[in-house]
Amino acid sequence: MASESQQLTTQVESESEEKDLKGALRQRARSSKRIAWLLDECIPIPFTKRRIGLDPIIGLIPYGGETIATLIGATVLGESVKRGIPLKTLIRMGANMLINAVVGVIPAAGDLFSAWFKSNSRNYEMLNEFLQSDEAKEAEGGWWPVTLVFLIIGIILSINILSFVFFFAIINEMVKYIWS
């Protein structure tokens, strides 16, 4: 009888610790929620139910705005790494950032896409789904997630630099054409 009582007590304590851990993980992920809201949802569009954030507005800064918005949004990715999110989900989150950045280099159209796509909110939703699941736990550590985050940021920076170079090459050719 005492053995069954000890097992039951241990099980209850284990379940309580698991709930406390999940609550603590969700509490710590609030900064990701704030960043996603700020970049994707903070400004209501009058007379509609739609909202936009600072991401498409920052993206209006030619050839640097998308980089700034991406670096801010990368904090959601970093938070996900710290929370131990699975590699498959982390890759999907990185793909959301890459899609937003690649389309974002197209002037005006990229900003409209960013207002619609809301990559940071999508990434936060994936993080939140993970934290609600039974798999939620603290990260075990390791370099692969950090490397993946820096790789994604590096690719996005490269895309922005290449678009900047491409833009000036076009301007240079136009000036040569006009003056010849």
C-alpha atoms as a PDB file:
ATOM      1  CA  MET A   1       0.000   0.000   0.000  1.00  0.00           C
ATOM      2  CA  ALA A   2       2.808   2.390   0.882  1.00  0.00           C
ATOM      3  CA  SER A   3       4.509   1.574  -2.417  1.00  0.00           C
ATOM      4  CA  GLU A   4       1.372   2.479  -4.394  1.00  0.00           C
ATOM      5  CA  SER A   5       1.031   5.688  -2.389  1.00  0.00           C
ATOM      6  CA  GLN A   6       4.652   6.624  -3.128  1.00  0.00           C
ATOM      7  CA  GLN A   7       4.172   5.898  -6.833  1.00  0.00           C
ATOM      8  CA  LEU A   8       1.022   8.028  -6.926  1.00  0.00           C
ATOM      9  CA  THR A   9       2.769  10.866  -5.075  1.00  0.00           C
ATOM     10  CA  THR A  10       5.752  10.659  -7.440  1.00  0.00           C
ATOM     11  CA  GLN A  11       3.444  10.688 -10.477  1.00  0.00           C
ATOM     12  CA  VAL A  12       1.498  13.708  -9.183  1.00  0.00           C
ATOM     13  CA  GLU A  13       4.749  15.561  -8.417  1.00  0.00           C
ATOM     14  CA  SER A  14       6.098  14.693 -11.881  1.00  0.00           C
ATOM     15  CA  GLU A  15       2.932  15.977 -13.593  1.00  0.00           C
ATOM     16  CA  SER A  16       3.042  19.132 -11.465  1.00  0.00           C
ATOM     17  CA  GLU A  17       6.696  19.762 -12.401  1.00  0.00           C
ATOM     18  CA  GLU A  18       5.857  19.205 -16.090  1.00  0.00           C
ATOM     19  CA  LYS A  19       3.002  21.754 -15.923  1.00  0.00           C
ATOM     20  CA  ASP A  20       5.289  24.206 -14.123  1.00  0.00           C
ATOM     21  CA  LEU A  21       7.952  23.752 -16.826  1.00  0.00           C
ATOM     22  CA  LYS A  22       5.443  24.328 -19.631  1.00  0.00           C
ATOM     23  CA  GLY A  23       4.139  27.432 -17.866  1.00  0.00           C
ATOM     24  CA  ALA A  24       7.668  28.731 -17.418  1.00  0.00           C
ATOM     25  CA  LEU A  25       8.477  28.076 -21.090  1.00  0.00           C
ATOM     26  CA  ARG A  26       5.355  29.934 -22.230  1.00  0.00           C
ATOM     27  CA  GLN A  27       6.142  32.811 -19.864  1.00  0.00           C
ATOM     28  CA  ARG A  28       9.645  33.159 -21.310  1.00  0.00           C
ATOM     29  CA  ALA A  29       8.304  33.065 -24.881  1.00  0.00           C
ATOM     30  CA  ARG A  30       6.270  36.225 -24.290  1.00  0.00           C
ATOM     31  CA  SER A  31       9.063  38.353 -25.745  1.00  0.00           C
ATOM     32  CA  SER A  32       8.659  36.421 -29.005  1.00  0.00           C
ATOM     33  CA  LYS A  33       4.938  37.128 -28.936  1.00  0.00           C
ATOM     34  CA  ARG A  34       5.590  40.853 -28.456  1.00  0.00           C
ATOM     35  CA  ILE A  35       8.105  40.970 -31.294  1.00  0.00           C
ATOM     36  CA  ALA A  36       5.767  39.075 -33.646  1.00  0.00           C
ATOM     37  CA  TRP A  37       2.916  41.436 -32.726  1.00  0.00           C
ATOM     38  CA  LEU A  38       5.104  44.524 -33.210  1.00  0.00           C
ATOM     39  CA  LEU A  39       6.416  43.421 -36.607  1.00  0.00           C
ATOM     40  CA  ASP A  40       3.143  41.992 -37.974  1.00  0.00           C
ATOM     41  CA  GLU A  41       0.047  43.198 -36.115  1.00  0.00           C
ATOM     42  CA  CYS A  42       0.516  46.419 -34.106  1.00  0.00           C
ATOM     43  CA  ILE A  43      -1.208  48.910 -36.453  1.00  0.00           C
ATOM     44  CA  PRO A  44      -4.924  48.550 -37.203  1.00  0.00           C
ATOM     45  CA  ILE A  45      -6.016  49.556 -40.694  1.00  0.00           C
ATOM     46  CA  PRO A  46      -8.976  51.923 -40.284  1.00  0.00           C
ATOM     47  CA  PHE A  47     -12.408  50.658 -41.377  1.00  0.00           C
ATOM     48  CA  THR A  48     -11.132  47.081 -41.793  1.00  0.00           C
ATOM     49  CA  LYS A  49     -10.400  44.139 -39.550  1.00  0.00           C
ATOM     50  CA  ARG A  50      -6.850  43.898 -40.912  1.00  0.00           C
ATOM     51  CA  ARG A  51      -3.712  44.886 -39.087  1.00  0.00           C
ATOM     52  CA  ILE A  52      -0.145  45.442 -40.216  1.00  0.00           C
ATOM     53  CA  GLY A  53       3.043  45.768 -38.261  1.00  0.00           C
ATOM     54  CA  LEU A  54       6.326  47.566 -38.542  1.00  0.00           C
ATOM     55  CA  ASP A  55       7.879  44.926 -40.828  1.00  0.00           C
ATOM     56  CA  PRO A  56       6.374  46.257 -44.086  1.00  0.00           C
ATOM     57  CA  ILE A  57       6.938  49.842 -42.952  1.00  0.00           C
ATOM     58  CA  ILE A  58      10.605  49.235 -42.079  1.00  0.00           C
ATOM     59  CA  GLY A  59      10.843  47.344 -45.377  1.00  0.00           C
ATOM     60  CA  LEU A  60      10.136  50.604 -47.212  1.00  0.00           C
ATOM     61  CA  ILE A  61      13.690  51.700 -46.391  1.00  0.00           C
ATOM     62  CA  PRO A  62      15.453  50.758 -49.631  1.00  0.00           C
ATOM     63  CA  TYR A  63      17.901  47.853 -49.450  1.00  0.00           C
ATOM     64  CA  GLY A  64      18.283  47.928 -45.691  1.00  0.00           C
ATOM     65  CA  GLY A  65      14.826  47.899 -44.228  1.00  0.00           C
ATOM     66  CA  GLU A  66      14.236  44.232 -44.950  1.00  0.00           C
ATOM     67  CA  THR A  67      17.545  43.393 -43.298  1.00  0.00           C
ATOM     68  CA  ILE A  68      16.616  45.357 -40.172  1.00  0.00           C
ATOM     69  CA  ALA A  69      13.173  43.720 -39.962  1.00  0.00           C
ATOM     70  CA  THR A  70      14.732  40.292 -40.496  1.00  0.00           C
ATOM     71  CA  LEU A  71      17.298  40.790 -37.748  1.00  0.00           C
ATOM     72  CA  ILE A  72      14.550  41.824 -35.327  1.00  0.00           C
ATOM     73  CA  GLY A  73      12.402  38.870 -36.408  1.00  0.00           C
ATOM     74  CA  ALA A  74      15.337  36.508 -35.943  1.00  0.00           C
ATOM     75  CA  THR A  75      14.862  36.884 -32.198  1.00  0.00           C
ATOM     76  CA  VAL A  76      11.729  34.706 -32.510  1.00  0.00           C
ATOM     77  CA  LEU A  77      13.888  32.087 -34.209  1.00  0.00           C
ATOM     78  CA  GLY A  78      16.523  32.408 -31.483  1.00  0.00           C
ATOM     79  CA  GLU A  79      13.869  32.046 -28.776  1.00  0.00           C
ATOM     80  CA  SER A  80      12.635  28.899 -30.510  1.00  0.00           C
ATOM     81  CA  VAL A  81      16.140  27.459 -30.456  1.00  0.00           C
ATOM     82  CA  LYS A  82      16.397  28.130 -26.719  1.00  0.00           C
ATOM     83  CA  ARG A  83      13.070  26.358 -26.146  1.00  0.00           C
ATOM     84  CA  GLY A  84      14.232  23.167 -27.858  1.00  0.00           C
ATOM     85  CA  ILE A  85      11.954  23.314 -30.895  1.00  0.00           C
ATOM     86  CA  PRO A  86      12.446  20.373 -33.296  1.00  0.00           C
ATOM     87  CA  LEU A  87      14.758  20.842 -36.277  1.00  0.00           C
ATOM     88  CA  LYS A  88      11.930  20.285 -38.791  1.00  0.00           C
ATOM     89  CA  THR A  89       9.900  23.129 -37.280  1.00  0.00           C
ATOM     90  CA  LEU A  90      12.969  25.357 -37.023  1.00  0.00           C
ATOM     91  CA  ILE A  91      13.629  24.821 -40.737  1.00  0.00           C
ATOM     92  CA  ARG A  92      10.005  25.771 -41.546  1.00  0.00           C
ATOM     93  CA  MET A  93      10.401  28.931 -39.470  1.00  0.00           C
ATOM     94  CA  GLY A  94      13.624  29.770 -41.296  1.00  0.00           C
ATOM     95  CA  ALA A  95      11.871  29.180 -44.628  1.00  0.00           C
ATOM     96  CA  ASN A  96       9.171  31.693 -43.597  1.00  0.00           C
ATOM     97  CA  MET A  97      11.877  34.274 -42.935  1.00  0.00           C
ATOM     98  CA  LEU A  98      13.626  33.519 -46.230  1.00  0.00           C
ATOM     99  CA  ILE A  99      10.404  33.772 -48.259  1.00  0.00           C
ATOM    100  CA  ASN A 100       9.592  37.089 -46.610  1.00  0.00           C
ATOM    101  CA  ALA A 101      13.114  38.406 -47.248  1.00  0.00           C
ATOM    102  CA  VAL A 102      13.366  37.243 -50.861  1.00  0.00           C
ATOM    103  CA  VAL A 103      10.016  38.729 -51.857  1.00  0.00           C
ATOM    104  CA  GLY A 104      10.718  41.721 -49.609  1.00  0.00           C
ATOM    105  CA  VAL A 105      13.543  42.991 -51.811  1.00  0.00           C
ATOM    106  CA  ILE A 106      11.022  43.822 -54.540  1.00  0.00           C
ATOM    107  CA  PRO A 107      10.128  47.477 -53.943  1.00  0.00           C
ATOM    108  CA  ALA A 108       6.505  48.055 -52.863  1.00  0.00           C
ATOM    109  CA  ALA A 109       5.317  44.556 -53.870  1.00  0.00           C
ATOM    110  CA  GLY A 110       7.600  43.027 -51.247  1.00  0.00           C
ATOM    111  CA  ASP A 111       6.181  45.275 -48.568  1.00  0.00           C
ATOM    112  CA  LEU A 112       2.613  44.393 -49.530  1.00  0.00           C
ATOM    113  CA  PHE A 113       3.569  40.713 -49.432  1.00  0.00           C
ATOM    114  CA  SER A 114       5.156  41.177 -46.016  1.00  0.00           C
ATOM    115  CA  ALA A 115       1.961  42.812 -44.707  1.00  0.00           C
ATOM    116  CA  TRP A 116      -0.012  39.793 -45.942  1.00  0.00           C
ATOM    117  CA  PHE A 117       2.426  36.938 -45.183  1.00  0.00           C
ATOM    118  CA  LYS A 118       3.258  37.912 -41.570  1.00  0.00           C
ATOM    119  CA  SER A 119       6.239  35.589 -41.211  1.00  0.00           C
ATOM    120  CA  ASN A 120       6.934  36.559 -37.598  1.00  0.00           C
ATOM    121  CA  SER A 121       3.382  35.765 -36.488  1.00  0.00           C
ATOM    122  CA  ARG A 122       3.562  32.445 -38.330  1.00  0.00           C
ATOM    123  CA  ASN A 123       6.813  31.655 -36.562  1.00  0.00           C
ATOM    124  CA  TYR A 124       5.427  32.599 -33.168  1.00  0.00           C
ATOM    125  CA  GLU A 125       2.393  30.365 -33.793  1.00  0.00           C
ATOM    126  CA  MET A 126       4.724  27.430 -34.508  1.00  0.00           C
ATOM    127  CA  LEU A 127       6.647  28.178 -31.308  1.00  0.00           C
ATOM    128  CA  ASN A 128       3.419  28.427 -29.328  1.00  0.00           C
ATOM    129  CA  GLU A 129       2.093  25.145 -30.781  1.00  0.00           C
ATOM    130  CA  PHE A 130       5.310  23.468 -29.703  1.00  0.00           C
ATOM    131  CA  LEU A 131       5.093  24.922 -26.204  1.00  0.00           C
ATOM    132  CA  GLN A 132       1.503  23.659 -25.895  1.00  0.00           C
ATOM    133  CA  SER A 133       2.528  20.149 -26.973  1.00  0.00           C
ATOM    134  CA  ASP A 134       3.765  17.286 -24.841  1.00  0.00           C
ATOM    135  CA  GLU A 135       7.222  17.639 -26.442  1.00  0.00           C
ATOM    136  CA  ALA A 136       7.897  21.062 -24.885  1.00  0.00           C
ATOM    137  CA  LYS A 137      11.116  21.119 -22.891  1.00  0.00           C
ATOM    138  CA  GLU A 138      14.183  23.252 -22.404  1.00  0.00           C
ATOM    139  CA  ALA A 139      16.774  22.995 -25.148  1.00  0.00           C
ATOM    140  CA  GLU A 140      19.458  20.393 -24.689  1.00  0.00           C
ATOM    141  CA  GLY A 141      22.052  22.664 -26.220  1.00  0.00           C
ATOM    142  CA  GLY A 142      24.344  22.104 -29.125  1.00  0.00           C
ATOM    143  CA  TRP A 143      25.588  24.173 -32.021  1.00  0.00           C
ATOM    144  CA  TRP A 144      23.326  23.017 -34.863  1.00  0.00           C
ATOM    145  CA  PRO A 145      20.359  25.278 -34.001  1.00  0.00           C
ATOM    146  CA  VAL A 146      22.569  28.329 -33.505  1.00  0.00           C
ATOM    147  CA  THR A 147      24.383  27.557 -36.731  1.00  0.00           C
ATOM    148  CA  LEU A 148      21.071  27.241 -38.567  1.00  0.00           C
ATOM    149  CA  VAL A 149      19.865  30.617 -37.276  1.00  0.00           C
ATOM    150  CA  PHE A 150      23.121  32.328 -38.303  1.00  0.00           C
ATOM    151  CA  LEU A 151      23.005  30.576 -41.686  1.00  0.00           C
ATOM    152  CA  ILE A 152      19.486  31.883 -42.320  1.00  0.00           C
ATOM    153  CA  ILE A 153      20.490  35.406 -41.271  1.00  0.00           C
ATOM    154  CA  GLY A 154      23.583  35.174 -43.496  1.00  0.00           C
ATOM    155  CA  ILE A 155      21.509  34.101 -46.501  1.00  0.00           C
ATOM    156  CA  ILE A 156      19.060  36.955 -45.930  1.00  0.00           C
ATOM    157  CA  LEU A 157      21.880  39.482 -45.609  1.00  0.00           C
ATOM    158  CA  SER A 158      23.441  38.106 -48.803  1.00  0.00           C
ATOM    159  CA  ILE A 159      20.135  38.442 -50.640  1.00  0.00           C
ATOM    160  CA  ASN A 160      19.854  42.057 -49.540  1.00  0.00           C
ATOM    161  CA  ILE A 161      23.451  42.858 -50.500  1.00  0.00           C
ATOM    162  CA  LEU A 162      22.997  41.220 -53.911  1.00  0.00           C
ATOM    163  CA  SER A 163      19.792  43.155 -54.524  1.00  0.00           C
ATOM    164  CA  PHE A 164      21.628  46.360 -53.605  1.00  0.00           C
ATOM    165  CA  VAL A 165      24.461  45.550 -56.033  1.00  0.00           C
ATOM    166  CA  PHE A 166      21.944  44.584 -58.734  1.00  0.00           C
ATOM    167  CA  PHE A 167      20.049  47.848 -58.244  1.00  0.00           C
ATOM    168  CA  PHE A 168      23.199  49.940 -58.698  1.00  0.00           C
ATOM    169  CA  ALA A 169      24.258  47.889 -61.722  1.00  0.00           C
ATOM    170  CA  ILE A 170      20.906  48.686 -63.351  1.00  0.00           C
ATOM    171  CA  ILE A 171      21.231  52.382 -62.472  1.00  0.00           C
ATOM    172  CA  ASN A 172      24.773  52.396 -63.888  1.00  0.00           C
ATOM    173  CA  GLU A 173      23.598  50.832 -67.178  1.00  0.00           C
ATOM    174  CA  MET A 174      20.715  53.283 -67.417  1.00  0.00           C
ATOM    175  CA  VAL A 175      23.071  56.244 -66.924  1.00  0.00           C
ATOM    176  CA  LYS A 176      25.450  54.859 -69.564  1.00  0.00           C
ATOM    177  CA  TYR A 177      22.540  54.417 -71.991  1.00  0.00           C
ATOM    178  CA  ILE A 178      21.214  57.919 -71.364  1.00  0.00           C
ATOM    179  CA  TRP A 179      24.637  59.571 -71.762  1.00  0.00           C
ATOM    180  CA  SER A 180      25.674  57.637 -74.833  1.00  0.00           C
END
